[in-house]
């Protein structure tokens, strides 16, 4: 079964344990955006800053979710489908909790 740590599920819906940078399979190794306070190796994360400003744990808890800003933020290498999947996972996370959301996210082929 999945064991949760405080920093493994990012506010934008990425499960850090599934990320190649978090796992150390890519360089530089990333300890997770919560640990880095939204300042990963690639720069400052606008989504993390927004979640902090709105005082919610993740985007799915925001009254404005899914906002245009969130839907426009995705890795160009992965394309916009990635953000659509994360939006669904975050909405599910709000209703069913972290563990169920991780299960859902891991069941989706990407």
PDB file of N, CA and C in Angstrom:
ATOM      1  N   UNK A   1       0.830  -1.184   0.000  1.00  0.00           N
ATOM      2  CA  UNK A   1       0.000   0.000   0.000  1.00  0.00           C
ATOM      3  C   UNK A   1       0.875   1.247   0.000  1.00  0.00           C
ATOM      4  N   UNK A   2       0.324   2.318  -0.415  1.00  0.00           N
ATOM      5  CA  UNK A   2       1.041   3.581  -0.566  1.00  0.00           C
ATOM      6  C   UNK A   2       1.265   4.234   0.789  1.00  0.00           C
ATOM      7  N   UNK A   3       2.461   4.662   1.061  1.00  0.00           N
ATOM      8  CA  UNK A   3       2.799   5.352   2.297  1.00  0.00           C
ATOM      9  C   UNK A   3       2.992   6.833   1.999  1.00  0.00           C
ATOM     10  N   UNK A   4       2.218   7.680   2.661  1.00  0.00           N
ATOM     11  CA  UNK A   4       2.281   9.107   2.389  1.00  0.00           C
ATOM     12  C   UNK A   4       3.296   9.821   3.263  1.00  0.00           C
ATOM     13  N   UNK A   5       4.014  10.747   2.632  1.00  0.00           N
ATOM     14  CA  UNK A   5       4.906  11.651   3.329  1.00  0.00           C
ATOM     15  C   UNK A   5       4.372  13.044   3.053  1.00  0.00           C
ATOM     16  N   UNK A   6       4.725  14.011   3.853  1.00  0.00           N
ATOM     17  CA  UNK A   6       4.188  15.356   3.720  1.00  0.00           C
ATOM     18  C   UNK A   6       4.490  15.999   2.373  1.00  0.00           C
ATOM     19  N   UNK A   7       5.578  15.679   1.757  1.00  0.00           N
ATOM     20  CA  UNK A   7       6.000  16.417   0.574  1.00  0.00           C
ATOM     21  C   UNK A   7       5.859  15.671  -0.747  1.00  0.00           C
ATOM     22  N   UNK A   8       5.130  14.565  -0.802  1.00  0.00           N
ATOM     23  CA  UNK A   8       5.174  13.808  -2.046  1.00  0.00           C
ATOM     24  C   UNK A   8       4.091  14.154  -3.052  1.00  0.00           C
ATOM     25  N   UNK A   9       3.067  14.887  -2.701  1.00  0.00           N
ATOM     26  CA  UNK A   9       2.006  15.246  -3.628  1.00  0.00           C
ATOM     27  C   UNK A   9       2.034  16.760  -3.784  1.00  0.00           C
ATOM     28  N   UNK A  10       2.409  17.220  -4.956  1.00  0.00           N
ATOM     29  CA  UNK A  10       2.555  18.661  -5.166  1.00  0.00           C
ATOM     30  C   UNK A  10       1.198  19.348  -5.258  1.00  0.00           C
ATOM     31  N   UNK A  11       1.145  20.648  -5.020  1.00  0.00           N
ATOM     32  CA  UNK A  11      -0.114  21.387  -5.105  1.00  0.00           C
ATOM     33  C   UNK A  11      -0.745  21.357  -6.494  1.00  0.00           C
ATOM     34  N   UNK A  12       0.032  21.108  -7.531  1.00  0.00           N
ATOM     35  CA  UNK A  12      -0.493  21.109  -8.905  1.00  0.00           C
ATOM     36  C   UNK A  12      -0.941  19.726  -9.360  1.00  0.00           C
ATOM     37  N   UNK A  13      -0.807  18.724  -8.507  1.00  0.00           N
ATOM     38  CA  UNK A  13      -1.306  17.401  -8.842  1.00  0.00           C
ATOM     39  C   UNK A  13      -0.266  16.392  -9.292  1.00  0.00           C
ATOM     40  N   UNK A  14       0.993  16.735  -9.214  1.00  0.00           N
ATOM     41  CA  UNK A  14       2.050  15.780  -9.557  1.00  0.00           C
ATOM     42  C   UNK A  14       2.379  14.961  -8.311  1.00  0.00           C
ATOM     43  N   UNK A  15       2.449  13.650  -8.471  1.00  0.00           N
ATOM     44  CA  UNK A  15       2.879  12.780  -7.384  1.00  0.00           C
ATOM     45  C   UNK A  15       4.393  12.711  -7.470  1.00  0.00           C
ATOM     46  N   UNK A  16       5.057  13.358  -6.543  1.00  0.00           N
ATOM     47  CA  UNK A  16       6.515  13.455  -6.596  1.00  0.00           C
ATOM     48  C   UNK A  16       7.185  12.089  -6.664  1.00  0.00           C
ATOM     49  N   UNK A  17       6.658  11.112  -5.949  1.00  0.00           N
ATOM     50  CA  UNK A  17       7.248   9.774  -5.971  1.00  0.00           C
ATOM     51  C   UNK A  17       7.310   9.178  -7.373  1.00  0.00           C
ATOM     52  N   UNK A  18       6.488   9.684  -8.283  1.00  0.00           N
ATOM     53  CA  UNK A  18       6.465   9.181  -9.650  1.00  0.00           C
ATOM     54  C   UNK A  18       7.308  10.030 -10.604  1.00  0.00           C
ATOM     55  N   UNK A  19       7.908  11.077 -10.102  1.00  0.00           N
ATOM     56  CA  UNK A  19       8.671  12.011 -10.929  1.00  0.00           C
ATOM     57  C   UNK A  19      10.125  11.539 -11.048  1.00  0.00           C
ATOM     58  N   UNK A  20      10.639  11.527 -12.280  1.00  0.00           N
ATOM     59  CA  UNK A  20      12.016  11.070 -12.507  1.00  0.00           C
ATOM     60  C   UNK A  20      13.053  11.919 -11.775  1.00  0.00           C
ATOM     61  N   UNK A  21      12.785  13.217 -11.610  1.00  0.00           N
ATOM     62  CA  UNK A  21      13.739  14.074 -10.891  1.00  0.00           C
ATOM     63  C   UNK A  21      13.691  13.770  -9.397  1.00  0.00           C
ATOM     64  N   UNK A  22      12.516  13.537  -8.863  1.00  0.00           N
ATOM     65  CA  UNK A  22      12.366  13.218  -7.442  1.00  0.00           C
ATOM     66  C   UNK A  22      13.016  11.872  -7.129  1.00  0.00           C
ATOM     67  N   UNK A  23      12.842  10.922  -8.034  1.00  0.00           N
ATOM     68  CA  UNK A  23      13.401   9.581  -7.830  1.00  0.00           C
ATOM     69  C   UNK A  23      14.902   9.535  -8.073  1.00  0.00           C
ATOM     70  N   UNK A  24      15.471  10.598  -8.627  1.00  0.00           N
ATOM     71  CA  UNK A  24      16.899  10.629  -8.893  1.00  0.00           C
ATOM     72  C   UNK A  24      17.288   9.985 -10.206  1.00  0.00           C
ATOM     73  N   UNK A  25      16.305   9.726 -11.078  1.00  0.00           N
ATOM     74  CA  UNK A  25      16.599   9.135 -12.374  1.00  0.00           C
ATOM     75  C   UNK A  25      17.034  10.186 -13.391  1.00  0.00           C
ATOM     76  N   UNK A  26      16.794  11.452 -13.072  1.00  0.00           N
ATOM     77  CA  UNK A  26      17.251  12.572 -13.895  1.00  0.00           C
ATOM     78  C   UNK A  26      17.970  13.551 -12.988  1.00  0.00           C
ATOM     79  N   UNK A  27      18.842  14.317 -13.568  1.00  0.00           N
ATOM     80  CA  UNK A  27      19.585  15.338 -12.821  1.00  0.00           C
ATOM     81  C   UNK A  27      19.084  16.707 -13.214  1.00  0.00           C
ATOM     82  N   UNK A  28      19.025  17.640 -12.281  1.00  0.00           N
ATOM     83  CA  UNK A  28      19.372  17.497 -10.874  1.00  0.00           C
ATOM     84  C   UNK A  28      18.242  16.833 -10.095  1.00  0.00           C
ATOM     85  N   UNK A  29      18.597  16.185  -9.006  1.00  0.00           N
ATOM     86  CA  UNK A  29      17.610  15.538  -8.149  1.00  0.00           C
ATOM     87  C   UNK A  29      16.781  16.619  -7.456  1.00  0.00           C
ATOM     88  N   UNK A  30      15.478  16.417  -7.399  1.00  0.00           N
ATOM     89  CA  UNK A  30      14.560  17.379  -6.788  1.00  0.00           C
ATOM     90  C   UNK A  30      13.913  16.747  -5.559  1.00  0.00           C
ATOM     91  N   UNK A  31      13.951  17.407  -4.399  1.00  0.00           N
ATOM     92  CA  UNK A  31      13.321  16.862  -3.196  1.00  0.00           C
ATOM     93  C   UNK A  31      11.812  17.136  -3.129  1.00  0.00           C
ATOM     94  N   UNK A  32      11.264  17.764  -4.159  1.00  0.00           N
ATOM     95  CA  UNK A  32       9.830  18.075  -4.175  1.00  0.00           C
ATOM     96  C   UNK A  32       9.598  19.557  -3.969  1.00  0.00           C
ATOM     97  N   UNK A  33       8.564  20.076  -4.608  1.00  0.00           N
ATOM     98  CA  UNK A  33       8.359  21.527  -4.567  1.00  0.00           C
ATOM     99  C   UNK A  33       7.973  22.036  -3.180  1.00  0.00           C
ATOM    100  N   UNK A  34       7.318  21.206  -2.376  1.00  0.00           N
ATOM    101  CA  UNK A  34       6.975  21.652  -1.021  1.00  0.00           C
ATOM    102  C   UNK A  34       8.252  21.852  -0.211  1.00  0.00           C
ATOM    103  N   UNK A  35       9.158  20.902  -0.337  1.00  0.00           N
ATOM    104  CA  UNK A  35      10.448  21.008   0.355  1.00  0.00           C
ATOM    105  C   UNK A  35      11.224  22.235  -0.112  1.00  0.00           C
ATOM    106  N   UNK A  36      11.120  22.538  -1.402  1.00  0.00           N
ATOM    107  CA  UNK A  36      11.851  23.666  -1.988  1.00  0.00           C
ATOM    108  C   UNK A  36      11.058  24.974  -1.963  1.00  0.00           C
ATOM    109  N   UNK A  37       9.895  24.943  -1.337  1.00  0.00           N
ATOM    110  CA  UNK A  37       9.017  26.111  -1.242  1.00  0.00           C
ATOM    111  C   UNK A  37       8.739  26.718  -2.618  1.00  0.00           C
ATOM    112  N   UNK A  38       8.450  25.835  -3.587  1.00  0.00           N
ATOM    113  CA  UNK A  38       8.058  26.280  -4.916  1.00  0.00           C
ATOM    114  C   UNK A  38       9.163  26.831  -5.786  1.00  0.00           C
ATOM    115  N   UNK A  39      10.405  26.487  -5.453  1.00  0.00           N
ATOM    116  CA  UNK A  39      11.538  26.972  -6.252  1.00  0.00           C
ATOM    117  C   UNK A  39      12.388  25.794  -6.725  1.00  0.00           C
ATOM    118  N   UNK A  40      11.833  24.972  -7.650  1.00  0.00           N
ATOM    119  CA  UNK A  40      12.607  23.837  -8.158  1.00  0.00           C
ATOM    120  C   UNK A  40      13.751  24.301  -9.060  1.00  0.00           C
ATOM    121  N   UNK A  41      14.519  23.352  -9.543  1.00  0.00           N
ATOM    122  CA  UNK A  41      15.702  23.659 -10.344  1.00  0.00           C
ATOM    123  C   UNK A  41      15.401  24.490 -11.586  1.00  0.00           C
ATOM    124  N   UNK A  42      14.197  24.417 -12.114  1.00  0.00           N
ATOM    125  CA  UNK A  42      13.881  25.126 -13.356  1.00  0.00           C
ATOM    126  C   UNK A  42      13.385  26.548 -13.138  1.00  0.00           C
ATOM    127  N   UNK A  43      13.206  26.976 -11.886  1.00  0.00           N
ATOM    128  CA  UNK A  43      12.774  28.345 -11.605  1.00  0.00           C
ATOM    129  C   UNK A  43      11.724  28.404 -10.530  1.00  0.00           C
ATOM    130  N   UNK A  44      11.029  29.510 -10.451  1.00  0.00           N
ATOM    131  CA  UNK A  44       9.984  29.665  -9.438  1.00  0.00           C
ATOM    132  C   UNK A  44       8.647  29.194  -9.995  1.00  0.00           C
ATOM    133  N   UNK A  45       7.951  28.375  -9.239  1.00  0.00           N
ATOM    134  CA  UNK A  45       6.683  27.805  -9.674  1.00  0.00           C
ATOM    135  C   UNK A  45       5.534  28.764  -9.348  1.00  0.00           C
ATOM    136  N   UNK A  46       4.883  29.266 -10.391  1.00  0.00           N
ATOM    137  CA  UNK A  46       3.762  30.184 -10.206  1.00  0.00           C
ATOM    138  C   UNK A  46       2.575  29.487  -9.549  1.00  0.00           C
ATOM    139  N   UNK A  47       2.389  28.217  -9.828  1.00  0.00           N
ATOM    140  CA  UNK A  47       1.288  27.469  -9.224  1.00  0.00           C
ATOM    141  C   UNK A  47       1.495  27.356  -7.721  1.00  0.00           C
ATOM    142  N   UNK A  48       2.693  27.037  -7.303  1.00  0.00           N
ATOM    143  CA  UNK A  48       2.993  26.934  -5.868  1.00  0.00           C
ATOM    144  C   UNK A  48       2.737  28.280  -5.187  1.00  0.00           C
ATOM    145  N   UNK A  49       3.194  29.365  -5.797  1.00  0.00           N
ATOM    146  CA  UNK A  49       2.985  30.700  -5.228  1.00  0.00           C
ATOM    147  C   UNK A  49       1.503  31.022  -5.113  1.00  0.00           C
ATOM    148  N   UNK A  50       0.731  30.653  -6.114  1.00  0.00           N
ATOM    149  CA  UNK A  50      -0.705  30.908  -6.108  1.00  0.00           C
ATOM    150  C   UNK A  50      -1.395  30.148  -4.967  1.00  0.00           C
ATOM    151  N   UNK A  51      -1.038  28.878  -4.792  1.00  0.00           N
ATOM    152  CA  UNK A  51      -1.606  28.059  -3.721  1.00  0.00           C
ATOM    153  C   UNK A  51      -1.280  28.685  -2.356  1.00  0.00           C
ATOM    154  N   UNK A  52      -0.062  29.150  -2.211  1.00  0.00           N
ATOM    155  CA  UNK A  52       0.333  29.821  -0.969  1.00  0.00           C
ATOM    156  C   UNK A  52      -0.499  31.087  -0.753  1.00  0.00           C
ATOM    157  N   UNK A  53      -0.652  31.895  -1.806  1.00  0.00           N
ATOM    158  CA  UNK A  53      -1.430  33.134  -1.704  1.00  0.00           C
ATOM    159  C   UNK A  53      -2.890  32.855  -1.354  1.00  0.00           C
ATOM    160  N   UNK A  54      -3.449  31.799  -1.925  1.00  0.00           N
ATOM    161  CA  UNK A  54      -4.866  31.457  -1.702  1.00  0.00           C
ATOM    162  C   UNK A  54      -5.068  30.687  -0.403  1.00  0.00           C
ATOM    163  N   UNK A  55      -3.978  30.272   0.225  1.00  0.00           N
ATOM    164  CA  UNK A  55      -3.990  29.532   1.483  1.00  0.00           C
ATOM    165  C   UNK A  55      -4.806  28.239   1.395  1.00  0.00           C
ATOM    166  N   UNK A  56      -4.517  27.466   0.335  1.00  0.00           N
ATOM    167  CA  UNK A  56      -5.105  26.141   0.165  1.00  0.00           C
ATOM    168  C   UNK A  56      -3.974  25.128   0.051  1.00  0.00           C
ATOM    169  N   UNK A  57      -4.286  23.857   0.284  1.00  0.00           N
ATOM    170  CA  UNK A  57      -3.253  22.821   0.213  1.00  0.00           C
ATOM    171  C   UNK A  57      -2.890  22.443  -1.217  1.00  0.00           C
ATOM    172  N   UNK A  58      -3.871  22.515  -2.103  1.00  0.00           N
ATOM    173  CA  UNK A  58      -3.625  22.199  -3.509  1.00  0.00           C
ATOM    174  C   UNK A  58      -4.659  22.909  -4.367  1.00  0.00           C
ATOM    175  N   UNK A  59      -4.392  22.986  -5.652  1.00  0.00           N
ATOM    176  CA  UNK A  59      -5.246  23.742  -6.574  1.00  0.00           C
ATOM    177  C   UNK A  59      -6.692  23.287  -6.551  1.00  0.00           C
ATOM    178  N   UNK A  60      -6.924  22.001  -6.375  1.00  0.00           N
ATOM    179  CA  UNK A  60      -8.283  21.467  -6.366  1.00  0.00           C
ATOM    180  C   UNK A  60      -9.149  22.039  -5.264  1.00  0.00           C
ATOM    181  N   UNK A  61      -8.555  22.606  -4.228  1.00  0.00           N
ATOM    182  CA  UNK A  61      -9.305  23.198  -3.124  1.00  0.00           C
ATOM    183  C   UNK A  61      -9.649  24.666  -3.354  1.00  0.00           C
ATOM    184  N   UNK A  62      -9.111  25.256  -4.393  1.00  0.00           N
ATOM    185  CA  UNK A  62      -9.329  26.672  -4.672  1.00  0.00           C
ATOM    186  C   UNK A  62     -10.712  26.892  -5.276  1.00  0.00           C
ATOM    187  N   UNK A  63     -11.401  27.952  -4.851  1.00  0.00           N
ATOM    188  CA  UNK A  63     -12.738  28.249  -5.379  1.00  0.00           C
ATOM    189  C   UNK A  63     -12.694  28.636  -6.856  1.00  0.00           C
ATOM    190  N   UNK A  64     -11.541  29.030  -7.361  1.00  0.00           N
ATOM    191  CA  UNK A  64     -11.404  29.421  -8.765  1.00  0.00           C
ATOM    192  C   UNK A  64     -10.977  28.263  -9.672  1.00  0.00           C
ATOM    193  N   UNK A  65     -10.733  27.104  -9.101  1.00  0.00           N
ATOM    194  CA  UNK A  65     -10.255  25.945  -9.851  1.00  0.00           C
ATOM    195  C   UNK A  65     -11.350  25.345 -10.714  1.00  0.00           C
ATOM    196  N   UNK A  66     -11.019  24.975 -11.925  1.00  0.00           N
ATOM    197  CA  UNK A  66      -9.758  25.119 -12.645  1.00  0.00           C
ATOM    198  C   UNK A  66      -9.698  26.470 -13.350  1.00  0.00           C
ATOM    199  N   UNK A  67      -8.758  27.267 -12.999  1.00  0.00           N
ATOM    200  CA  UNK A  67      -8.626  28.607 -13.573  1.00  0.00           C
ATOM    201  C   UNK A  67      -7.813  28.561 -14.873  1.00  0.00           C
ATOM    202  N   UNK A  68      -7.868  29.632 -15.608  1.00  0.00           N
ATOM    203  CA  UNK A  68      -7.145  29.740 -16.867  1.00  0.00           C
ATOM    204  C   UNK A  68      -5.636  29.621 -16.642  1.00  0.00           C
ATOM    205  N   UNK A  69      -5.153  30.212 -15.549  1.00  0.00           N
ATOM    206  CA  UNK A  69      -3.717  30.125 -15.265  1.00  0.00           C
ATOM    207  C   UNK A  69      -3.288  28.665 -15.082  1.00  0.00           C
ATOM    208  N   UNK A  70      -4.023  27.916 -14.259  1.00  0.00           N
ATOM    209  CA  UNK A  70      -3.678  26.515 -14.031  1.00  0.00           C
ATOM    210  C   UNK A  70      -3.690  25.734 -15.343  1.00  0.00           C
ATOM    211  N   UNK A  71      -4.730  25.906 -16.132  1.00  0.00           N
ATOM    212  CA  UNK A  71      -4.881  25.142 -17.367  1.00  0.00           C
ATOM    213  C   UNK A  71      -3.814  25.491 -18.408  1.00  0.00           C
ATOM    214  N   UNK A  72      -3.172  26.649 -18.254  1.00  0.00           N
ATOM    215  CA  UNK A  72      -2.119  27.054 -19.179  1.00  0.00           C
ATOM    216  C   UNK A  72      -0.729  26.657 -18.744  1.00  0.00           C
ATOM    217  N   UNK A  73      -0.607  26.042 -17.571  1.00  0.00           N
ATOM    218  CA  UNK A  73       0.708  25.671 -17.051  1.00  0.00           C
ATOM    219  C   UNK A  73       0.945  24.173 -17.189  1.00  0.00           C
ATOM    220  N   UNK A  74       1.779  23.824 -18.140  1.00  0.00           N
ATOM    221  CA  UNK A  74       2.135  22.423 -18.329  1.00  0.00           C
ATOM    222  C   UNK A  74       3.500  22.354 -19.000  1.00  0.00           C
ATOM    223  N   UNK A  75       4.138  21.220 -18.839  1.00  0.00           N
ATOM    224  CA  UNK A  75       5.432  20.974 -19.462  1.00  0.00           C
ATOM    225  C   UNK A  75       5.217  20.860 -20.966  1.00  0.00           C
ATOM    226  N   UNK A  76       5.863  21.718 -21.761  1.00  0.00           N
ATOM    227  CA  UNK A  76       5.688  21.646 -23.211  1.00  0.00           C
ATOM    228  C   UNK A  76       6.063  20.278 -23.788  1.00  0.00           C
ATOM    229  N   UNK A  77       6.963  19.565 -23.123  1.00  0.00           N
ATOM    230  CA  UNK A  77       7.341  18.229 -23.584  1.00  0.00           C
ATOM    231  C   UNK A  77       6.199  17.224 -23.417  1.00  0.00           C
ATOM    232  N   UNK A  78       5.282  17.513 -22.463  1.00  0.00           N
ATOM    233  CA  UNK A  78       4.170  16.605 -22.197  1.00  0.00           C
ATOM    234  C   UNK A  78       2.882  17.053 -22.876  1.00  0.00           C
ATOM    235  N   UNK A  79       2.777  18.326 -23.187  1.00  0.00           N
ATOM    236  CA  UNK A  79       1.600  18.841 -23.869  1.00  0.00           C
ATOM    237  C   UNK A  79       0.440  19.148 -22.937  1.00  0.00           C
ATOM    238  N   UNK A  80      -0.614  19.768 -23.464  1.00  0.00           N
ATOM    239  CA  UNK A  80      -1.743  20.207 -22.646  1.00  0.00           C
ATOM    240  C   UNK A  80      -2.574  19.067 -22.060  1.00  0.00           C
ATOM    241  N   UNK A  81      -2.500  17.875 -22.625  1.00  0.00           N
ATOM    242  CA  UNK A  81      -3.250  16.757 -22.052  1.00  0.00           C
ATOM    243  C   UNK A  81      -2.826  16.515 -20.605  1.00  0.00           C
ATOM    244  N   UNK A  82      -1.553  16.735 -20.298  1.00  0.00           N
ATOM    245  CA  UNK A  82      -1.043  16.543 -18.944  1.00  0.00           C
ATOM    246  C   UNK A  82      -1.793  17.395 -17.932  1.00  0.00           C
ATOM    247  N   UNK A  83      -2.057  18.655 -18.261  1.00  0.00           N
ATOM    248  CA  UNK A  83      -2.740  19.533 -17.311  1.00  0.00           C
ATOM    249  C   UNK A  83      -4.208  19.149 -17.175  1.00  0.00           C
ATOM    250  N   UNK A  84      -4.808  18.639 -18.235  1.00  0.00           N
ATOM    251  CA  UNK A  84      -6.196  18.185 -18.161  1.00  0.00           C
ATOM    252  C   UNK A  84      -6.287  16.978 -17.216  1.00  0.00           C
ATOM    253  N   UNK A  85      -5.359  16.067 -17.327  1.00  0.00           N
ATOM    254  CA  UNK A  85      -5.322  14.899 -16.439  1.00  0.00           C
ATOM    255  C   UNK A  85      -5.112  15.340 -14.994  1.00  0.00           C
ATOM    256  N   UNK A  86      -4.151  16.247 -14.774  1.00  0.00           N
ATOM    257  CA  UNK A  86      -3.899  16.716 -13.399  1.00  0.00           C
ATOM    258  C   UNK A  86      -5.108  17.443 -12.824  1.00  0.00           C
ATOM    259  N   UNK A  87      -5.835  18.191 -13.646  1.00  0.00           N
ATOM    260  CA  UNK A  87      -7.035  18.891 -13.169  1.00  0.00           C
ATOM    261  C   UNK A  87      -8.065  17.881 -12.680  1.00  0.00           C
ATOM    262  N   UNK A  88      -8.250  16.823 -13.437  1.00  0.00           N
ATOM    263  CA  UNK A  88      -9.192  15.780 -13.021  1.00  0.00           C
ATOM    264  C   UNK A  88      -8.748  15.099 -11.737  1.00  0.00           C
ATOM    265  N   UNK A  89      -7.473  14.827 -11.638  1.00  0.00           N
ATOM    266  CA  UNK A  89      -6.942  14.180 -10.433  1.00  0.00           C
ATOM    267  C   UNK A  89      -7.110  15.099  -9.217  1.00  0.00           C
ATOM    268  N   UNK A  90      -6.874  16.402  -9.394  1.00  0.00           N
ATOM    269  CA  UNK A  90      -7.028  17.333  -8.270  1.00  0.00           C
ATOM    270  C   UNK A  90      -8.487  17.465  -7.841  1.00  0.00           C
ATOM    271  N   UNK A  91      -9.418  17.470  -8.795  1.00  0.00           N
ATOM    272  CA  UNK A  91     -10.839  17.515  -8.442  1.00  0.00           C
ATOM    273  C   UNK A  91     -11.218  16.250  -7.672  1.00  0.00           C
ATOM    274  N   UNK A  92     -10.725  15.125  -8.122  1.00  0.00           N
ATOM    275  CA  UNK A  92     -10.964  13.851  -7.441  1.00  0.00           C
ATOM    276  C   UNK A  92     -10.311  13.856  -6.055  1.00  0.00           C
ATOM    277  N   UNK A  93      -9.126  14.416  -5.973  1.00  0.00           N
ATOM    278  CA  UNK A  93      -8.389  14.503  -4.701  1.00  0.00           C
ATOM    279  C   UNK A  93      -9.178  15.285  -3.662  1.00  0.00           C
ATOM    280  N   UNK A  94      -9.805  16.370  -4.096  1.00  0.00           N
ATOM    281  CA  UNK A  94     -10.596  17.190  -3.165  1.00  0.00           C
ATOM    282  C   UNK A  94     -11.737  16.369  -2.557  1.00  0.00           C
ATOM    283  N   UNK A  95     -12.381  15.556  -3.361  1.00  0.00           N
ATOM    284  CA  UNK A  95     -13.529  14.778  -2.906  1.00  0.00           C
ATOM    285  C   UNK A  95     -13.159  13.496  -2.173  1.00  0.00           C
ATOM    286  N   UNK A  96     -12.054  12.849  -2.580  1.00  0.00           N
ATOM    287  CA  UNK A  96     -11.766  11.504  -2.091  1.00  0.00           C
ATOM    288  C   UNK A  96     -10.444  11.355  -1.348  1.00  0.00           C
ATOM    289  N   UNK A  97      -9.652  12.423  -1.282  1.00  0.00           N
ATOM    290  CA  UNK A  97      -8.411  12.381  -0.526  1.00  0.00           C
ATOM    291  C   UNK A  97      -7.190  11.968  -1.329  1.00  0.00           C
ATOM    292  N   UNK A  98      -6.049  12.119  -0.694  1.00  0.00           N
ATOM    293  CA  UNK A  98      -4.751  11.891  -1.334  1.00  0.00           C
ATOM    294  C   UNK A  98      -4.569  10.459  -1.820  1.00  0.00           C
ATOM    295  N   UNK A  99      -4.850   9.502  -0.955  1.00  0.00           N
ATOM    296  CA  UNK A  99      -4.573   8.109  -1.303  1.00  0.00           C
ATOM    297  C   UNK A  99      -5.350   7.682  -2.546  1.00  0.00           C
ATOM    298  N   UNK A 100      -6.628   7.981  -2.601  1.00  0.00           N
ATOM    299  CA  UNK A 100      -7.450   7.624  -3.763  1.00  0.00           C
ATOM    300  C   UNK A 100      -6.980   8.375  -5.012  1.00  0.00           C
ATOM    301  N   UNK A 101      -6.579   9.634  -4.842  1.00  0.00           N
ATOM    302  CA  UNK A 101      -6.104  10.419  -5.986  1.00  0.00           C
ATOM    303  C   UNK A 101      -4.806   9.854  -6.552  1.00  0.00           C
ATOM    304  N   UNK A 102      -3.919   9.403  -5.687  1.00  0.00           N
ATOM    305  CA  UNK A 102      -2.679   8.778  -6.151  1.00  0.00           C
ATOM    306  C   UNK A 102      -3.004   7.508  -6.921  1.00  0.00           C
ATOM    307  N   UNK A 103      -3.919   6.703  -6.398  1.00  0.00           N
ATOM    308  CA  UNK A 103      -4.323   5.479  -7.097  1.00  0.00           C
ATOM    309  C   UNK A 103      -4.872   5.809  -8.484  1.00  0.00           C
ATOM    310  N   UNK A 104      -5.727   6.808  -8.560  1.00  0.00           N
ATOM    311  CA  UNK A 104      -6.293   7.220  -9.840  1.00  0.00           C
ATOM    312  C   UNK A 104      -5.197   7.682 -10.797  1.00  0.00           C
ATOM    313  N   UNK A 105      -4.321   8.540 -10.299  1.00  0.00           N
ATOM    314  CA  UNK A 105      -3.236   9.055 -11.132  1.00  0.00           C
ATOM    315  C   UNK A 105      -2.345   7.971 -11.671  1.00  0.00           C
ATOM    316  N   UNK A 106      -2.097   6.977 -10.871  1.00  0.00           N
ATOM    317  CA  UNK A 106      -1.231   5.883 -11.309  1.00  0.00           C
ATOM    318  C   UNK A 106      -1.932   4.935 -12.268  1.00  0.00           C
ATOM    319  N   UNK A 107      -3.246   4.979 -12.296  1.00  0.00           N
ATOM    320  CA  UNK A 107      -3.990   4.091 -13.200  1.00  0.00           C
ATOM    321  C   UNK A 107      -4.137   4.690 -14.609  1.00  0.00           C
ATOM    322  N   UNK A 108      -3.824   5.976 -14.738  1.00  0.00           N
ATOM    323  CA  UNK A 108      -3.987   6.671 -16.014  1.00  0.00           C
ATOM    324  C   UNK A 108      -2.736   6.484 -16.855  1.00  0.00           C
ATOM    325  N   UNK A 109      -2.907   5.996 -18.081  1.00  0.00           N
ATOM    326  CA  UNK A 109      -1.758   5.899 -18.983  1.00  0.00           C
ATOM    327  C   UNK A 109      -1.390   7.266 -19.485  1.00  0.00           C
ATOM    328  N   UNK A 110      -0.108   7.579 -19.469  1.00  0.00           N
ATOM    329  CA  UNK A 110       0.347   8.887 -19.961  1.00  0.00           C
ATOM    330  C   UNK A 110       1.286   8.693 -21.100  1.00  0.00           C
TER     331      UNK A 110
END
